[in-house]
Amino acid sequence: MINLLFVLSEDSTLIEAMYLGLNEYYDQSFALINQVLSKNPTSIKAYLLKAIILDYRMDDYGNNIGEDEFFECIDKVIKFSSSLLQSENRAEGYFFIGSAYALRAFRYGKKGIYAPILSDIINGIDYLNKALEINKELYDAYLLLGLYNYASDQFPSFVKFILGTGDTKKRKKLGIEQLEIASEKSRYVKDLTKYALLEIYYRERMYNKAYEIGKELVQKYNHSRNIRWIYGKSLRALGKWEEARIIYEELLYLILDTRDFDKYQIVLSSYYTALSYYTLGKYEEAYQFLNFAYVVILENLNVKELLKLKPRVENLMKNVERYKG
């Protein structure tokens, strides 16, 4: 009974840490994870979640800060899960190890480094499938399996050949189906899966689905920049410019309120706020946000990414000036 209460308490803390992480309160999220690890230094779930939030934060900030710790967490998940393979909890063991391999493969893939990922992908998919063979209701495994099957279409040709991906169009369809199952039936990763589906629905031009899932996620994670970036693209695609204006304006202020804000993100969110106002016929407001974006560019002419945005900002400024009087 005491052990059960300890497990329930740990799960509750980590679920709260997951919520804080996806809402981009990173310090608070890591504080809760470290609290669990201080009581249980071999907590597999804590190390796996820490790796997930570190990866999410790197995507948010557009840098590699925390990458070494990410890889350390992955190694610990694999190490501490190995003993489970010989126990009655071997399905969980396969799930944890498979998830760790898959997460590491995806991190390398984001960096465009493919040589180290082949064995991780093979091992990750093998372990996740073994987990499902033992426990068909371990729906959390469908998140990374689904992402693998969906992303297989984007692998370089030599990776597809070595992995024997076969018909990647069928794999993409299967991947989306697996992700939709995880978004409905998984125990821990429902919202993380919905975040992945938000991006996929947008890419696949399923804009109405992206709209519905994005609206739900923004309401729940009202501090998230990551979610707003993707949701905003879907709103623009659907021509929902008033909603887009609100999202991009909120996004801009969230970025400015961030300790490690990115100037490229400031300019881009300002630009899309201005574009929304312009499309709505509110030219004075559009000009204010464009002028702010332009000042940031002029103050940082040494930043290549900002120079690429400069013509877009200038062209929209010319159009706005025609109408604002």
C-alpha atoms as a PDB file:
ATOM      1  CA  MET A   1       0.000   0.000   0.000  1.00  0.00           C
ATOM      2  CA  ILE A   2       2.808   2.448   0.920  1.00  0.00           C
ATOM      3  CA  ASN A   3       4.560   1.655  -2.364  1.00  0.00           C
ATOM      4  CA  LEU A   4       1.332   2.243  -4.305  1.00  0.00           C
ATOM      5  CA  LEU A   5       0.809   5.614  -2.622  1.00  0.00           C
ATOM      6  CA  PHE A   6       4.408   6.566  -3.474  1.00  0.00           C
ATOM      7  CA  VAL A   7       3.867   5.664  -7.142  1.00  0.00           C
ATOM      8  CA  LEU A   8       0.595   7.621  -7.293  1.00  0.00           C
ATOM      9  CA  SER A   9       2.245  10.644  -5.683  1.00  0.00           C
ATOM     10  CA  GLU A  10       5.155  10.474  -8.133  1.00  0.00           C
ATOM     11  CA  ASP A  11       2.783  10.173 -11.094  1.00  0.00           C
ATOM     12  CA  SER A  12       0.732  13.136  -9.892  1.00  0.00           C
ATOM     13  CA  THR A  13       3.838  15.301  -9.537  1.00  0.00           C
ATOM     14  CA  LEU A  14       5.134  14.344 -12.971  1.00  0.00           C
ATOM     15  CA  ILE A  15       1.765  15.001 -14.626  1.00  0.00           C
ATOM     16  CA  GLU A  16       1.845  18.504 -13.127  1.00  0.00           C
ATOM     17  CA  ALA A  17       5.451  18.882 -14.348  1.00  0.00           C
ATOM     18  CA  MET A  18       4.333  17.856 -17.843  1.00  0.00           C
ATOM     19  CA  TYR A  19       1.584  20.499 -17.784  1.00  0.00           C
ATOM     20  CA  LEU A  20       4.023  23.213 -16.654  1.00  0.00           C
ATOM     21  CA  GLY A  21       6.577  22.162 -19.274  1.00  0.00           C
ATOM     22  CA  LEU A  22       4.110  22.250 -22.171  1.00  0.00           C
ATOM     23  CA  ASN A  23       2.901  25.618 -20.863  1.00  0.00           C
ATOM     24  CA  GLU A  24       6.559  26.715 -21.028  1.00  0.00           C
ATOM     25  CA  TYR A  25       7.071  27.342 -17.337  1.00  0.00           C
ATOM     26  CA  TYR A  26      10.325  25.453 -17.625  1.00  0.00           C
ATOM     27  CA  ASP A  27      11.935  26.314 -14.293  1.00  0.00           C
ATOM     28  CA  GLN A  28       8.838  25.198 -12.372  1.00  0.00           C
ATOM     29  CA  SER A  29       8.575  22.020 -14.452  1.00  0.00           C
ATOM     30  CA  PHE A  30      12.198  21.042 -13.842  1.00  0.00           C
ATOM     31  CA  ALA A  31      11.848  21.875 -10.141  1.00  0.00           C
ATOM     32  CA  LEU A  32       9.059  19.290  -9.810  1.00  0.00           C
ATOM     33  CA  ILE A  33      10.968  16.693 -11.816  1.00  0.00           C
ATOM     34  CA  ASN A  34      14.065  17.225  -9.670  1.00  0.00           C
ATOM     35  CA  GLN A  35      11.888  16.939  -6.569  1.00  0.00           C
ATOM     36  CA  VAL A  36      10.858  13.455  -7.726  1.00  0.00           C
ATOM     37  CA  LEU A  37      14.464  12.530  -8.509  1.00  0.00           C
ATOM     38  CA  SER A  38      15.640  13.682  -5.069  1.00  0.00           C
ATOM     39  CA  LYS A  39      13.295  11.098  -3.531  1.00  0.00           C
ATOM     40  CA  ASN A  40      13.773   8.457  -6.201  1.00  0.00           C
ATOM     41  CA  PRO A  41      17.117   8.853  -8.048  1.00  0.00           C
ATOM     42  CA  THR A  42      16.273   5.973 -10.396  1.00  0.00           C
ATOM     43  CA  SER A  43      12.841   7.237 -11.480  1.00  0.00           C
ATOM     44  CA  ILE A  44      12.602   6.245 -15.136  1.00  0.00           C
ATOM     45  CA  LYS A  45       9.497   8.353 -15.739  1.00  0.00           C
ATOM     46  CA  ALA A  46      11.183  11.446 -14.304  1.00  0.00           C
ATOM     47  CA  TYR A  47      14.252  11.107 -16.539  1.00  0.00           C
ATOM     48  CA  LEU A  48      12.085  10.421 -19.598  1.00  0.00           C
ATOM     49  CA  LEU A  49       9.896  13.450 -18.902  1.00  0.00           C
ATOM     50  CA  LYS A  50      12.938  15.626 -18.295  1.00  0.00           C
ATOM     51  CA  ALA A  51      14.303  14.613 -21.698  1.00  0.00           C
ATOM     52  CA  ILE A  52      10.947  15.440 -23.324  1.00  0.00           C
ATOM     53  CA  ILE A  53      10.749  18.902 -21.733  1.00  0.00           C
ATOM     54  CA  LEU A  54      14.395  19.662 -22.535  1.00  0.00           C
ATOM     55  CA  ASP A  55      13.720  18.763 -26.170  1.00  0.00           C
ATOM     56  CA  TYR A  56      10.557  20.888 -26.194  1.00  0.00           C
ATOM     57  CA  ARG A  57      12.450  23.850 -24.707  1.00  0.00           C
ATOM     58  CA  MET A  58      15.216  23.575 -27.319  1.00  0.00           C
ATOM     59  CA  ASP A  59      12.558  23.739 -30.044  1.00  0.00           C
ATOM     60  CA  ASP A  60      10.922  26.722 -28.335  1.00  0.00           C
ATOM     61  CA  TYR A  61      14.133  28.731 -27.964  1.00  0.00           C
ATOM     62  CA  GLY A  62      15.665  27.563 -31.235  1.00  0.00           C
ATOM     63  CA  ASN A  63      18.952  26.552 -29.618  1.00  0.00           C
ATOM     64  CA  ASN A  64      20.778  23.504 -28.218  1.00  0.00           C
ATOM     65  CA  ILE A  65      20.968  24.641 -24.590  1.00  0.00           C
ATOM     66  CA  GLY A  66      20.342  21.584 -22.422  1.00  0.00           C
ATOM     67  CA  GLU A  67      21.254  19.069 -25.126  1.00  0.00           C
ATOM     68  CA  ASP A  68      23.998  17.385 -23.082  1.00  0.00           C
ATOM     69  CA  GLU A  69      21.572  16.912 -20.195  1.00  0.00           C
ATOM     70  CA  PHE A  70      18.983  15.581 -22.654  1.00  0.00           C
ATOM     71  CA  PHE A  71      21.371  12.832 -23.789  1.00  0.00           C
ATOM     72  CA  GLU A  72      22.298  12.055 -20.167  1.00  0.00           C
ATOM     73  CA  CYS A  73      18.604  11.589 -19.318  1.00  0.00           C
ATOM     74  CA  ILE A  74      18.163   9.271 -22.297  1.00  0.00           C
ATOM     75  CA  ASP A  75      21.118   7.147 -21.174  1.00  0.00           C
ATOM     76  CA  LYS A  76      19.673   6.867 -17.670  1.00  0.00           C
ATOM     77  CA  VAL A  77      16.257   5.816 -18.961  1.00  0.00           C
ATOM     78  CA  ILE A  78      17.871   2.989 -20.944  1.00  0.00           C
ATOM     79  CA  LYS A  79      20.094   1.989 -18.021  1.00  0.00           C
ATOM     80  CA  PHE A  80      17.389   1.936 -15.326  1.00  0.00           C
ATOM     81  CA  SER A  81      14.775   0.301 -17.579  1.00  0.00           C
ATOM     82  CA  SER A  82      16.916  -2.710 -18.472  1.00  0.00           C
ATOM     83  CA  SER A  83      16.094  -4.548 -15.241  1.00  0.00           C
ATOM     84  CA  LEU A  84      12.359  -4.315 -16.036  1.00  0.00           C
ATOM     85  CA  LEU A  85      12.795  -6.550 -19.071  1.00  0.00           C
ATOM     86  CA  GLN A  86      13.188  -9.576 -16.790  1.00  0.00           C
ATOM     87  CA  SER A  87      10.207  -8.668 -14.594  1.00  0.00           C
ATOM     88  CA  GLU A  88       6.434  -8.751 -14.818  1.00  0.00           C
ATOM     89  CA  ASN A  89       6.664  -5.107 -15.916  1.00  0.00           C
ATOM     90  CA  ARG A  90       8.645  -5.938 -19.055  1.00  0.00           C
ATOM     91  CA  ALA A  91       6.075  -4.204 -21.303  1.00  0.00           C
ATOM     92  CA  GLU A  92       6.875  -0.943 -19.498  1.00  0.00           C
ATOM     93  CA  GLY A  93      10.569  -1.709 -19.802  1.00  0.00           C
ATOM     94  CA  TYR A  94      10.298  -2.122 -23.562  1.00  0.00           C
ATOM     95  CA  PHE A  95       8.192   1.050 -23.734  1.00  0.00           C
ATOM     96  CA  PHE A  96      10.671   3.168 -21.776  1.00  0.00           C
ATOM     97  CA  ILE A  97      13.732   1.942 -23.663  1.00  0.00           C
ATOM     98  CA  GLY A  98      11.984   2.240 -27.026  1.00  0.00           C
ATOM     99  CA  SER A  99      10.866   5.778 -26.195  1.00  0.00           C
ATOM    100  CA  ALA A 100      14.397   6.759 -25.183  1.00  0.00           C
ATOM    101  CA  TYR A 101      15.921   5.432 -28.414  1.00  0.00           C
ATOM    102  CA  ALA A 102      13.212   7.113 -30.510  1.00  0.00           C
ATOM    103  CA  LEU A 103      13.571  10.474 -28.736  1.00  0.00           C
ATOM    104  CA  ARG A 104      17.338  10.424 -29.256  1.00  0.00           C
ATOM    105  CA  ALA A 105      16.858   9.557 -32.941  1.00  0.00           C
ATOM    106  CA  PHE A 106      14.424  12.439 -33.430  1.00  0.00           C
ATOM    107  CA  ARG A 107      16.818  14.882 -31.725  1.00  0.00           C
ATOM    108  CA  TYR A 108      19.613  13.863 -34.114  1.00  0.00           C
ATOM    109  CA  GLY A 109      17.163  14.065 -37.019  1.00  0.00           C
ATOM    110  CA  LYS A 110      16.253  17.666 -36.146  1.00  0.00           C
ATOM    111  CA  LYS A 111      19.949  18.499 -36.384  1.00  0.00           C
ATOM    112  CA  GLY A 112      20.222  16.762 -39.781  1.00  0.00           C
ATOM    113  CA  ILE A 113      22.642  14.159 -38.361  1.00  0.00           C
ATOM    114  CA  TYR A 114      21.516  10.801 -39.756  1.00  0.00           C
ATOM    115  CA  ALA A 115      24.467   8.440 -39.258  1.00  0.00           C
ATOM    116  CA  PRO A 116      23.900   7.888 -35.489  1.00  0.00           C
ATOM    117  CA  ILE A 117      20.124   7.566 -35.723  1.00  0.00           C
ATOM    118  CA  LEU A 118      19.770   4.362 -37.727  1.00  0.00           C
ATOM    119  CA  SER A 119      20.412   1.964 -34.843  1.00  0.00           C
ATOM    120  CA  ASP A 120      18.328   4.140 -32.507  1.00  0.00           C
ATOM    121  CA  ILE A 121      15.366   4.079 -34.901  1.00  0.00           C
ATOM    122  CA  ILE A 122      15.643   0.317 -35.411  1.00  0.00           C
ATOM    123  CA  ASN A 123      15.936  -0.338 -31.673  1.00  0.00           C
ATOM    124  CA  GLY A 124      13.288   2.210 -30.740  1.00  0.00           C
ATOM    125  CA  ILE A 125      10.633   0.850 -33.084  1.00  0.00           C
ATOM    126  CA  ASP A 126      11.492  -2.748 -32.170  1.00  0.00           C
ATOM    127  CA  TYR A 127      11.159  -2.099 -28.426  1.00  0.00           C
ATOM    128  CA  LEU A 128       7.937  -0.090 -28.795  1.00  0.00           C
ATOM    129  CA  ASN A 129       6.372  -2.847 -30.906  1.00  0.00           C
ATOM    130  CA  LYS A 130       7.422  -5.442 -28.327  1.00  0.00           C
ATOM    131  CA  ALA A 131       5.748  -3.360 -25.617  1.00  0.00           C
ATOM    132  CA  LEU A 132       2.502  -3.389 -27.599  1.00  0.00           C
ATOM    133  CA  GLU A 133       2.751  -7.114 -28.272  1.00  0.00           C
ATOM    134  CA  ILE A 134       2.723  -7.692 -24.515  1.00  0.00           C
ATOM    135  CA  ASN A 135       0.222  -4.960 -23.649  1.00  0.00           C
ATOM    136  CA  LYS A 136      -2.000  -3.867 -26.532  1.00  0.00           C
ATOM    137  CA  GLU A 137      -3.486  -1.108 -24.371  1.00  0.00           C
ATOM    138  CA  LEU A 138      -0.174   0.679 -23.822  1.00  0.00           C
ATOM    139  CA  TYR A 139      -1.432   3.519 -26.017  1.00  0.00           C
ATOM    140  CA  ASP A 140       1.337   5.925 -25.003  1.00  0.00           C
ATOM    141  CA  ALA A 141       3.633   3.928 -27.312  1.00  0.00           C
ATOM    142  CA  TYR A 142       1.609   5.121 -30.306  1.00  0.00           C
ATOM    143  CA  LEU A 143       2.985   8.669 -29.956  1.00  0.00           C
ATOM    144  CA  LEU A 144       6.533   7.854 -31.039  1.00  0.00           C
ATOM    145  CA  LEU A 145       5.492   4.983 -33.322  1.00  0.00           C
ATOM    146  CA  GLY A 146       3.079   7.355 -35.026  1.00  0.00           C
ATOM    147  CA  LEU A 147       5.704  10.064 -35.406  1.00  0.00           C
ATOM    148  CA  TYR A 148       8.147   7.529 -36.871  1.00  0.00           C
ATOM    149  CA  ASN A 149       5.637   6.235 -39.417  1.00  0.00           C
ATOM    150  CA  TYR A 150       4.533   9.747 -40.366  1.00  0.00           C
ATOM    151  CA  ALA A 151       8.102  11.079 -40.647  1.00  0.00           C
ATOM    152  CA  SER A 152       9.396   8.097 -42.660  1.00  0.00           C
ATOM    153  CA  ASP A 153       8.335   9.914 -45.828  1.00  0.00           C
ATOM    154  CA  GLN A 154      10.833  12.682 -45.025  1.00  0.00           C
ATOM    155  CA  PHE A 155      13.867  10.453 -44.424  1.00  0.00           C
ATOM    156  CA  PRO A 156      16.756  10.712 -46.909  1.00  0.00           C
ATOM    157  CA  SER A 157      16.712   7.956 -49.549  1.00  0.00           C
ATOM    158  CA  PHE A 158      19.602   6.000 -48.016  1.00  0.00           C
ATOM    159  CA  VAL A 159      17.844   5.966 -44.630  1.00  0.00           C
ATOM    160  CA  LYS A 160      14.603   4.715 -46.245  1.00  0.00           C
ATOM    161  CA  PHE A 161      16.566   1.985 -48.017  1.00  0.00           C
ATOM    162  CA  ILE A 162      18.380   0.785 -44.881  1.00  0.00           C
ATOM    163  CA  LEU A 163      15.207   0.870 -42.772  1.00  0.00           C
ATOM    164  CA  GLY A 164      13.088  -0.734 -45.490  1.00  0.00           C
ATOM    165  CA  THR A 165      10.277   1.768 -44.998  1.00  0.00           C
ATOM    166  CA  GLY A 166       8.327   0.508 -48.017  1.00  0.00           C
ATOM    167  CA  ASP A 167       5.264   2.515 -49.087  1.00  0.00           C
ATOM    168  CA  THR A 168       5.788   5.727 -47.125  1.00  0.00           C
ATOM    169  CA  LYS A 169       2.378   7.127 -48.104  1.00  0.00           C
ATOM    170  CA  LYS A 170       0.703   4.222 -46.318  1.00  0.00           C
ATOM    171  CA  ARG A 171       3.087   4.728 -43.405  1.00  0.00           C
ATOM    172  CA  LYS A 172       2.111   8.414 -43.173  1.00  0.00           C
ATOM    173  CA  LYS A 173      -1.563   7.460 -43.040  1.00  0.00           C
ATOM    174  CA  LEU A 174      -0.846   4.793 -40.406  1.00  0.00           C
ATOM    175  CA  GLY A 175       1.214   7.297 -38.404  1.00  0.00           C
ATOM    176  CA  ILE A 176      -1.640   9.811 -38.261  1.00  0.00           C
ATOM    177  CA  GLU A 177      -4.056   7.052 -37.212  1.00  0.00           C
ATOM    178  CA  GLN A 178      -1.681   5.945 -34.424  1.00  0.00           C
ATOM    179  CA  LEU A 179      -1.291   9.520 -33.204  1.00  0.00           C
ATOM    180  CA  GLU A 180      -5.044  10.004 -33.140  1.00  0.00           C
ATOM    181  CA  ILE A 181      -5.359   6.862 -31.002  1.00  0.00           C
ATOM    182  CA  ALA A 182      -2.692   8.168 -28.588  1.00  0.00           C
ATOM    183  CA  SER A 183      -4.446  11.559 -28.397  1.00  0.00           C
ATOM    184  CA  GLU A 184      -7.623   9.841 -27.201  1.00  0.00           C
ATOM    185  CA  LYS A 185      -6.491   6.804 -25.219  1.00  0.00           C
ATOM    186  CA  SER A 186      -2.946   7.327 -23.873  1.00  0.00           C
ATOM    187  CA  ARG A 187      -2.414   7.770 -20.146  1.00  0.00           C
ATOM    188  CA  TYR A 188       0.365  10.346 -20.043  1.00  0.00           C
ATOM    189  CA  VAL A 189       0.915  11.854 -23.504  1.00  0.00           C
ATOM    190  CA  LYS A 190      -2.538  12.917 -24.725  1.00  0.00           C
ATOM    191  CA  ASP A 191      -1.689  16.616 -24.927  1.00  0.00           C
ATOM    192  CA  LEU A 192       1.846  16.027 -26.215  1.00  0.00           C
ATOM    193  CA  THR A 193       0.295  13.947 -29.006  1.00  0.00           C
ATOM    194  CA  LYS A 194      -2.280  16.654 -29.735  1.00  0.00           C
ATOM    195  CA  TYR A 195       0.591  19.126 -30.076  1.00  0.00           C
ATOM    196  CA  ALA A 196       2.234  16.812 -32.625  1.00  0.00           C
ATOM    197  CA  LEU A 197      -1.077  16.428 -34.479  1.00  0.00           C
ATOM    198  CA  LEU A 198      -1.536  20.211 -34.580  1.00  0.00           C
ATOM    199  CA  GLU A 199       1.657  20.491 -36.659  1.00  0.00           C
ATOM    200  CA  ILE A 200       0.802  17.458 -38.797  1.00  0.00           C
ATOM    201  CA  TYR A 201      -2.756  18.582 -39.544  1.00  0.00           C
ATOM    202  CA  TYR A 202      -1.371  21.933 -40.682  1.00  0.00           C
ATOM    203  CA  ARG A 203       1.257  20.291 -42.898  1.00  0.00           C
ATOM    204  CA  GLU A 204      -1.349  17.996 -44.422  1.00  0.00           C
ATOM    205  CA  ARG A 205      -3.693  20.975 -45.003  1.00  0.00           C
ATOM    206  CA  MET A 206      -6.281  19.564 -42.630  1.00  0.00           C
ATOM    207  CA  TYR A 207      -6.846  23.110 -41.433  1.00  0.00           C
ATOM    208  CA  ASN A 208     -10.207  22.565 -39.761  1.00  0.00           C
ATOM    209  CA  LYS A 209      -8.780  19.737 -37.650  1.00  0.00           C
ATOM    210  CA  ALA A 210      -5.768  21.900 -36.812  1.00  0.00           C
ATOM    211  CA  TYR A 211      -8.133  24.713 -35.831  1.00  0.00           C
ATOM    212  CA  GLU A 212     -10.155  22.556 -33.435  1.00  0.00           C
ATOM    213  CA  ILE A 213      -7.158  20.974 -31.729  1.00  0.00           C
ATOM    214  CA  GLY A 214      -5.232  24.260 -31.627  1.00  0.00           C
ATOM    215  CA  LYS A 215      -8.137  26.097 -30.021  1.00  0.00           C
ATOM    216  CA  GLU A 216      -8.332  23.425 -27.312  1.00  0.00           C
ATOM    217  CA  LEU A 217      -4.593  23.506 -26.632  1.00  0.00           C
ATOM    218  CA  VAL A 218      -4.334  27.316 -26.472  1.00  0.00           C
ATOM    219  CA  GLN A 219      -7.149  27.432 -23.931  1.00  0.00           C
ATOM    220  CA  LYS A 220      -5.418  24.839 -21.754  1.00  0.00           C
ATOM    221  CA  TYR A 221      -1.837  26.042 -22.270  1.00  0.00           C
ATOM    222  CA  ASN A 222      -2.419  29.789 -22.371  1.00  0.00           C
ATOM    223  CA  HIS A 223       1.263  30.623 -21.820  1.00  0.00           C
ATOM    224  CA  SER A 224       2.582  28.541 -24.727  1.00  0.00           C
ATOM    225  CA  ARG A 225       4.455  30.129 -27.614  1.00  0.00           C
ATOM    226  CA  ASN A 226       5.064  26.848 -29.465  1.00  0.00           C
ATOM    227  CA  ILE A 227       1.355  26.094 -29.754  1.00  0.00           C
ATOM    228  CA  ARG A 228       0.514  29.641 -30.887  1.00  0.00           C
ATOM    229  CA  TRP A 229       3.051  29.546 -33.726  1.00  0.00           C
ATOM    230  CA  ILE A 230       1.380  26.534 -35.318  1.00  0.00           C
ATOM    231  CA  TYR A 231      -2.174  27.533 -34.427  1.00  0.00           C
ATOM    232  CA  GLY A 232      -1.595  30.971 -35.954  1.00  0.00           C
ATOM    233  CA  LYS A 233      -0.570  29.414 -39.293  1.00  0.00           C
ATOM    234  CA  SER A 234      -3.792  27.388 -39.331  1.00  0.00           C
ATOM    235  CA  LEU A 235      -5.888  30.484 -38.598  1.00  0.00           C
ATOM    236  CA  ARG A 236      -4.253  32.344 -41.489  1.00  0.00           C
ATOM    237  CA  ALA A 237      -4.875  29.403 -43.806  1.00  0.00           C
ATOM    238  CA  LEU A 238      -8.569  29.448 -42.856  1.00  0.00           C
ATOM    239  CA  GLY A 239      -8.831  33.235 -43.232  1.00  0.00           C
ATOM    240  CA  LYS A 240      -9.715  33.686 -39.551  1.00  0.00           C
ATOM    241  CA  TRP A 241      -7.811  36.964 -39.333  1.00  0.00           C
ATOM    242  CA  GLU A 242      -9.338  38.392 -36.168  1.00  0.00           C
ATOM    243  CA  GLU A 243      -8.472  35.230 -34.257  1.00  0.00           C
ATOM    244  CA  ALA A 244      -5.041  35.238 -35.886  1.00  0.00           C
ATOM    245  CA  ARG A 245      -4.488  38.839 -34.757  1.00  0.00           C
ATOM    246  CA  ILE A 246      -5.257  37.921 -31.162  1.00  0.00           C
ATOM    247  CA  ILE A 247      -2.957  34.887 -31.256  1.00  0.00           C
ATOM    248  CA  TYR A 248      -0.008  36.726 -32.824  1.00  0.00           C
ATOM    249  CA  GLU A 249      -0.343  39.726 -30.542  1.00  0.00           C
ATOM    250  CA  GLU A 250      -0.435  37.430 -27.516  1.00  0.00           C
ATOM    251  CA  LEU A 251       2.544  35.571 -28.966  1.00  0.00           C
ATOM    252  CA  LEU A 252       4.576  38.759 -29.330  1.00  0.00           C
ATOM    253  CA  TYR A 253       4.032  39.765 -25.704  1.00  0.00           C
ATOM    254  CA  LEU A 254       4.814  36.248 -24.496  1.00  0.00           C
ATOM    255  CA  ILE A 255       8.105  36.338 -26.426  1.00  0.00           C
ATOM    256  CA  LEU A 256       8.986  39.775 -25.050  1.00  0.00           C
ATOM    257  CA  ASP A 257       8.247  38.482 -21.551  1.00  0.00           C
ATOM    258  CA  THR A 258      10.655  35.567 -22.015  1.00  0.00           C
ATOM    259  CA  ARG A 259      14.084  35.671 -20.405  1.00  0.00           C
ATOM    260  CA  ASP A 260      15.858  34.289 -23.486  1.00  0.00           C
ATOM    261  CA  PHE A 261      13.725  35.965 -26.154  1.00  0.00           C
ATOM    262  CA  ASP A 262      14.690  35.573 -29.796  1.00  0.00           C
ATOM    263  CA  LYS A 263      14.833  38.700 -31.983  1.00  0.00           C
ATOM    264  CA  TYR A 264      13.802  36.731 -35.072  1.00  0.00           C
ATOM    265  CA  GLN A 265      10.675  35.547 -33.264  1.00  0.00           C
ATOM    266  CA  ILE A 266       9.957  39.121 -32.132  1.00  0.00           C
ATOM    267  CA  VAL A 267      10.095  40.441 -35.694  1.00  0.00           C
ATOM    268  CA  LEU A 268       8.118  37.538 -37.165  1.00  0.00           C
ATOM    269  CA  SER A 269       5.326  37.726 -34.576  1.00  0.00           C
ATOM    270  CA  SER A 270       5.189  41.531 -35.015  1.00  0.00           C
ATOM    271  CA  TYR A 271       4.973  41.073 -38.781  1.00  0.00           C
ATOM    272  CA  TYR A 272       2.095  38.595 -38.566  1.00  0.00           C
ATOM    273  CA  THR A 273       0.276  40.804 -36.049  1.00  0.00           C
ATOM    274  CA  ALA A 274       0.624  43.672 -38.519  1.00  0.00           C
ATOM    275  CA  LEU A 275      -0.474  41.479 -41.441  1.00  0.00           C
ATOM    276  CA  SER A 276      -3.586  40.499 -39.491  1.00  0.00           C
ATOM    277  CA  TYR A 277      -4.437  44.142 -38.741  1.00  0.00           C
ATOM    278  CA  TYR A 278      -3.750  45.060 -42.389  1.00  0.00           C
ATOM    279  CA  THR A 279      -6.059  42.314 -43.691  1.00  0.00           C
ATOM    280  CA  LEU A 280      -8.745  43.517 -41.267  1.00  0.00           C
ATOM    281  CA  GLY A 281      -8.399  47.060 -42.634  1.00  0.00           C
ATOM    282  CA  LYS A 282      -6.863  48.479 -39.434  1.00  0.00           C
ATOM    283  CA  TYR A 283      -3.917  50.276 -41.007  1.00  0.00           C
ATOM    284  CA  GLU A 284      -2.776  52.483 -38.116  1.00  0.00           C
ATOM    285  CA  GLU A 285      -2.422  49.461 -35.835  1.00  0.00           C
ATOM    286  CA  ALA A 286      -0.678  47.509 -38.596  1.00  0.00           C
ATOM    287  CA  TYR A 287       1.832  50.336 -39.081  1.00  0.00           C
ATOM    288  CA  GLN A 288       2.668  50.466 -35.371  1.00  0.00           C
ATOM    289  CA  PHE A 289       3.625  46.790 -35.261  1.00  0.00           C
ATOM    290  CA  LEU A 290       5.516  46.991 -38.563  1.00  0.00           C
ATOM    291  CA  ASN A 291       7.463  50.007 -37.355  1.00  0.00           C
ATOM    292  CA  PHE A 292       8.400  48.120 -34.181  1.00  0.00           C
ATOM    293  CA  ALA A 293       9.565  45.129 -36.258  1.00  0.00           C
ATOM    294  CA  TYR A 294      11.561  47.400 -38.562  1.00  0.00           C
ATOM    295  CA  VAL A 295      13.348  49.106 -35.668  1.00  0.00           C
ATOM    296  CA  VAL A 296      14.399  45.710 -34.287  1.00  0.00           C
ATOM    297  CA  ILE A 297      15.770  44.756 -37.729  1.00  0.00           C
ATOM    298  CA  LEU A 298      17.716  48.018 -38.133  1.00  0.00           C
ATOM    299  CA  GLU A 299      19.236  47.591 -34.678  1.00  0.00           C
ATOM    300  CA  ASN A 300      20.419  44.068 -35.552  1.00  0.00           C
ATOM    301  CA  LEU A 301      21.605  44.217 -39.154  1.00  0.00           C
ATOM    302  CA  ASN A 302      24.308  41.667 -38.340  1.00  0.00           C
ATOM    303  CA  VAL A 303      21.674  38.955 -37.822  1.00  0.00           C
ATOM    304  CA  LYS A 304      21.205  37.102 -41.138  1.00  0.00           C
ATOM    305  CA  GLU A 305      17.764  35.743 -40.255  1.00  0.00           C
ATOM    306  CA  LEU A 306      16.478  39.276 -39.672  1.00  0.00           C
ATOM    307  CA  LEU A 307      17.883  40.520 -42.981  1.00  0.00           C
ATOM    308  CA  LYS A 308      15.799  37.845 -44.719  1.00  0.00           C
ATOM    309  CA  LEU A 309      12.666  39.286 -43.095  1.00  0.00           C
ATOM    310  CA  LYS A 310      13.538  42.895 -43.994  1.00  0.00           C
ATOM    311  CA  PRO A 311      12.031  42.867 -47.544  1.00  0.00           C
ATOM    312  CA  ARG A 312       8.773  41.344 -46.282  1.00  0.00           C
ATOM    313  CA  VAL A 313       8.423  44.016 -43.602  1.00  0.00           C
ATOM    314  CA  GLU A 314       9.277  46.804 -46.076  1.00  0.00           C
ATOM    315  CA  ASN A 315       6.793  45.570 -48.694  1.00  0.00           C
ATOM    316  CA  LEU A 316       3.958  45.387 -46.179  1.00  0.00           C
ATOM    317  CA  MET A 317       4.885  48.859 -44.865  1.00  0.00           C
ATOM    318  CA  LYS A 318       4.521  50.257 -48.394  1.00  0.00           C
ATOM    319  CA  ASN A 319       1.083  48.687 -48.745  1.00  0.00           C
ATOM    320  CA  VAL A 320      -0.015  49.958 -45.331  1.00  0.00           C
ATOM    321  CA  GLU A 321       1.200  53.508 -46.093  1.00  0.00           C
ATOM    322  CA  ARG A 322      -1.032  53.621 -49.178  1.00  0.00           C
ATOM    323  CA  TYR A 323      -4.137  53.201 -47.077  1.00  0.00           C
ATOM    324  CA  LYS A 324      -3.427  54.713 -43.682  1.00  0.00           C
ATOM    325  CA  GLY A 325      -3.458  58.307 -44.961  1.00  0.00           C
END
